[in-house]
Amino acid sequence: GIIENEEEELRAIDAAIQRLKDGIYGLCDICGEKIPKSRLLAIPYAQLCFDCKKKDEGGGRRRG
């Protein structure tokens, strides 16, 4: 469990670095809006804004 969580976090960090290189870091993967700076400061590898994260968790929608 712990190793899987660490590996998942590393993948998320790698993805954030790639989004930075692609010029799309800080944009929500679902709606395309800017992710608030406060969220990125708390979770620098966040891929979703607050609203889309809530919908993603509540609706059972999974991203691959």
N, C-alpha and C. Protein backbone atom coordinates (compact mmCIF):
# COMPACT_ATOMS: atom_id res chain seq x y z
N GLY A 1 0.80 -1.20 0.00
CA GLY A 1 0.00 0.00 0.00
C GLY A 1 0.84 1.26 0.00
N ILE A 2 1.79 1.34 0.90
CA ILE A 2 2.60 2.55 1.00
C ILE A 2 3.45 2.72 -0.25
N ILE A 3 4.04 1.63 -0.72
CA ILE A 3 4.88 1.71 -1.92
C ILE A 3 4.04 2.12 -3.12
N GLU A 4 2.83 1.57 -3.23
CA GLU A 4 1.95 1.94 -4.34
C GLU A 4 1.60 3.42 -4.28
N ASN A 5 1.34 3.94 -3.08
CA ASN A 5 1.03 5.36 -2.93
C ASN A 5 2.21 6.23 -3.33
N GLU A 6 3.41 5.81 -2.93
CA GLU A 6 4.62 6.56 -3.29
C GLU A 6 4.84 6.55 -4.80
N GLU A 7 4.62 5.39 -5.42
CA GLU A 7 4.79 5.29 -6.87
C GLU A 7 3.77 6.15 -7.59
N GLU A 8 2.54 6.17 -7.09
CA GLU A 8 1.49 6.99 -7.70
C GLU A 8 1.85 8.48 -7.59
N GLU A 9 2.38 8.88 -6.44
CA GLU A 9 2.77 10.27 -6.25
C GLU A 9 3.93 10.64 -7.18
N LEU A 10 4.89 9.75 -7.36
CA LEU A 10 6.00 10.00 -8.28
C LEU A 10 5.51 10.14 -9.72
N ARG A 11 4.54 9.31 -10.11
CA ARG A 11 3.96 9.43 -11.46
C ARG A 11 3.27 10.78 -11.62
N ALA A 12 2.57 11.22 -10.57
CA ALA A 12 1.89 12.52 -10.62
C ALA A 12 2.89 13.66 -10.74
N ILE A 13 4.01 13.54 -10.04
CA ILE A 13 5.06 14.57 -10.12
C ILE A 13 5.67 14.59 -11.51
N ASP A 14 5.96 13.41 -12.05
CA ASP A 14 6.49 13.33 -13.42
C ASP A 14 5.52 13.95 -14.42
N ALA A 15 4.23 13.69 -14.23
CA ALA A 15 3.22 14.25 -15.13
C ALA A 15 3.18 15.78 -15.01
N ALA A 16 3.34 16.29 -13.78
CA ALA A 16 3.35 17.75 -13.57
C ALA A 16 4.55 18.38 -14.27
N ILE A 17 5.69 17.71 -14.20
CA ILE A 17 6.90 18.22 -14.88
C ILE A 17 6.66 18.24 -16.39
N GLN A 18 6.01 17.22 -16.92
CA GLN A 18 5.73 17.19 -18.35
C GLN A 18 4.75 18.29 -18.73
N ARG A 19 3.72 18.54 -17.88
CA ARG A 19 2.77 19.63 -18.16
C ARG A 19 3.49 20.98 -18.14
N LEU A 20 4.47 21.13 -17.25
CA LEU A 20 5.26 22.35 -17.20
C LEU A 20 6.02 22.53 -18.51
N LYS A 21 6.64 21.47 -19.00
CA LYS A 21 7.37 21.52 -20.27
C LYS A 21 6.44 21.82 -21.44
N ASP A 22 5.21 21.29 -21.37
CA ASP A 22 4.24 21.49 -22.44
C ASP A 22 3.53 22.84 -22.37
N GLY A 23 3.78 23.57 -21.28
CA GLY A 23 3.16 24.89 -21.13
C GLY A 23 1.73 24.85 -20.64
N ILE A 24 1.30 23.73 -20.06
CA ILE A 24 -0.08 23.62 -19.59
C ILE A 24 -0.16 23.37 -18.09
N TYR A 25 0.96 23.54 -17.38
CA TYR A 25 0.95 23.36 -15.93
C TYR A 25 0.01 24.38 -15.31
N GLY A 26 -0.77 23.92 -14.34
CA GLY A 26 -1.69 24.81 -13.63
C GLY A 26 -3.06 24.91 -14.26
N LEU A 27 -3.29 24.16 -15.34
CA LEU A 27 -4.61 24.14 -15.96
C LEU A 27 -5.30 22.82 -15.63
N CYS A 28 -6.57 22.89 -15.31
CA CYS A 28 -7.35 21.71 -14.96
C CYS A 28 -7.45 20.77 -16.17
N ASP A 29 -7.21 19.48 -15.94
CA ASP A 29 -7.29 18.49 -17.00
C ASP A 29 -8.70 18.29 -17.54
N ILE A 30 -9.71 18.63 -16.74
CA ILE A 30 -11.09 18.39 -17.17
C ILE A 30 -11.70 19.64 -17.81
N CYS A 31 -11.69 20.77 -17.09
CA CYS A 31 -12.37 21.96 -17.60
C CYS A 31 -11.43 22.95 -18.29
N GLY A 32 -10.13 22.83 -18.08
CA GLY A 32 -9.18 23.70 -18.73
C GLY A 32 -8.98 25.05 -18.04
N GLU A 33 -9.70 25.27 -16.95
CA GLU A 33 -9.54 26.52 -16.20
C GLU A 33 -8.27 26.47 -15.37
N LYS A 34 -7.81 27.65 -14.94
CA LYS A 34 -6.62 27.72 -14.09
C LYS A 34 -6.92 27.09 -12.72
N ILE A 35 -5.98 26.30 -12.25
CA ILE A 35 -6.06 25.75 -10.90
C ILE A 35 -5.60 26.85 -9.95
N PRO A 36 -6.36 27.14 -8.90
CA PRO A 36 -5.98 28.21 -7.98
C PRO A 36 -4.57 28.00 -7.40
N LYS A 37 -3.86 29.11 -7.26
CA LYS A 37 -2.49 29.07 -6.75
C LYS A 37 -2.43 28.39 -5.38
N SER A 38 -3.45 28.64 -4.55
CA SER A 38 -3.46 28.03 -3.22
C SER A 38 -3.48 26.50 -3.30
N ARG A 39 -4.19 25.98 -4.29
CA ARG A 39 -4.24 24.51 -4.47
C ARG A 39 -2.88 24.01 -4.96
N LEU A 40 -2.26 24.73 -5.89
CA LEU A 40 -0.96 24.30 -6.40
C LEU A 40 0.13 24.41 -5.34
N LEU A 41 0.01 25.39 -4.44
CA LEU A 41 0.97 25.48 -3.35
C LEU A 41 0.83 24.29 -2.40
N ALA A 42 -0.40 23.85 -2.18
CA ALA A 42 -0.64 22.70 -1.29
C ALA A 42 -0.30 21.39 -1.98
N ILE A 43 -0.67 21.28 -3.27
CA ILE A 43 -0.45 20.05 -4.04
C ILE A 43 0.12 20.46 -5.40
N PRO A 44 1.44 20.61 -5.50
CA PRO A 44 2.05 21.13 -6.73
C PRO A 44 1.77 20.28 -7.98
N TYR A 45 1.41 19.04 -7.79
CA TYR A 45 1.14 18.15 -8.93
C TYR A 45 -0.35 17.97 -9.19
N ALA A 46 -1.18 18.85 -8.60
CA ALA A 46 -2.63 18.78 -8.81
C ALA A 46 -2.95 18.89 -10.29
N GLN A 47 -3.88 18.07 -10.75
CA GLN A 47 -4.30 18.08 -12.15
C GLN A 47 -5.70 18.63 -12.34
N LEU A 48 -6.42 18.80 -11.22
CA LEU A 48 -7.80 19.25 -11.29
C LEU A 48 -8.02 20.45 -10.39
N CYS A 49 -8.92 21.36 -10.82
CA CYS A 49 -9.34 22.46 -9.97
C CYS A 49 -10.23 21.90 -8.85
N PHE A 50 -10.58 22.74 -7.87
CA PHE A 50 -11.38 22.28 -6.75
C PHE A 50 -12.70 21.67 -7.21
N ASP A 51 -13.41 22.38 -8.08
CA ASP A 51 -14.73 21.92 -8.51
C ASP A 51 -14.66 20.58 -9.23
N CYS A 52 -13.73 20.45 -10.15
CA CYS A 52 -13.61 19.20 -10.90
C CYS A 52 -13.12 18.06 -10.01
N LYS A 53 -12.30 18.36 -9.03
CA LYS A 53 -11.84 17.34 -8.10
C LYS A 53 -13.02 16.81 -7.29
N LYS A 54 -13.89 17.71 -6.83
CA LYS A 54 -15.07 17.28 -6.08
C LYS A 54 -15.97 16.40 -6.94
N LYS A 55 -16.20 16.83 -8.19
CA LYS A 55 -17.03 16.04 -9.10
C LYS A 55 -16.38 14.69 -9.39
N ASP A 56 -15.07 14.68 -9.57
CA ASP A 56 -14.32 13.47 -9.87
C ASP A 56 -14.45 12.47 -8.72
N GLU A 57 -14.34 12.94 -7.50
CA GLU A 57 -14.44 12.07 -6.33
C GLU A 57 -15.87 11.62 -6.08
N GLY A 58 -16.82 12.53 -6.25
CA GLY A 58 -18.21 12.23 -5.96
C GLY A 58 -18.91 11.39 -7.01
N GLY A 59 -18.54 11.61 -8.27
CA GLY A 59 -19.22 10.92 -9.35
C GLY A 59 -18.59 9.59 -9.76
N GLY A 60 -17.48 9.25 -9.13
CA GLY A 60 -16.82 8.00 -9.45
C GLY A 60 -16.08 8.03 -10.77
N ARG A 61 -15.95 9.21 -11.35
CA ARG A 61 -15.22 9.33 -12.62
C ARG A 61 -13.73 9.13 -12.37
N ARG A 62 -13.12 8.30 -13.16
CA ARG A 62 -11.69 8.00 -12.99
C ARG A 62 -10.94 8.48 -14.21
N ARG A 63 -9.78 9.07 -13.93
CA ARG A 63 -8.90 9.49 -15.02
C ARG A 63 -7.79 8.48 -15.12
N GLY A 64 -7.29 8.29 -16.34
CA GLY A 64 -6.22 7.32 -16.54
C GLY A 64 -4.89 7.94 -16.80
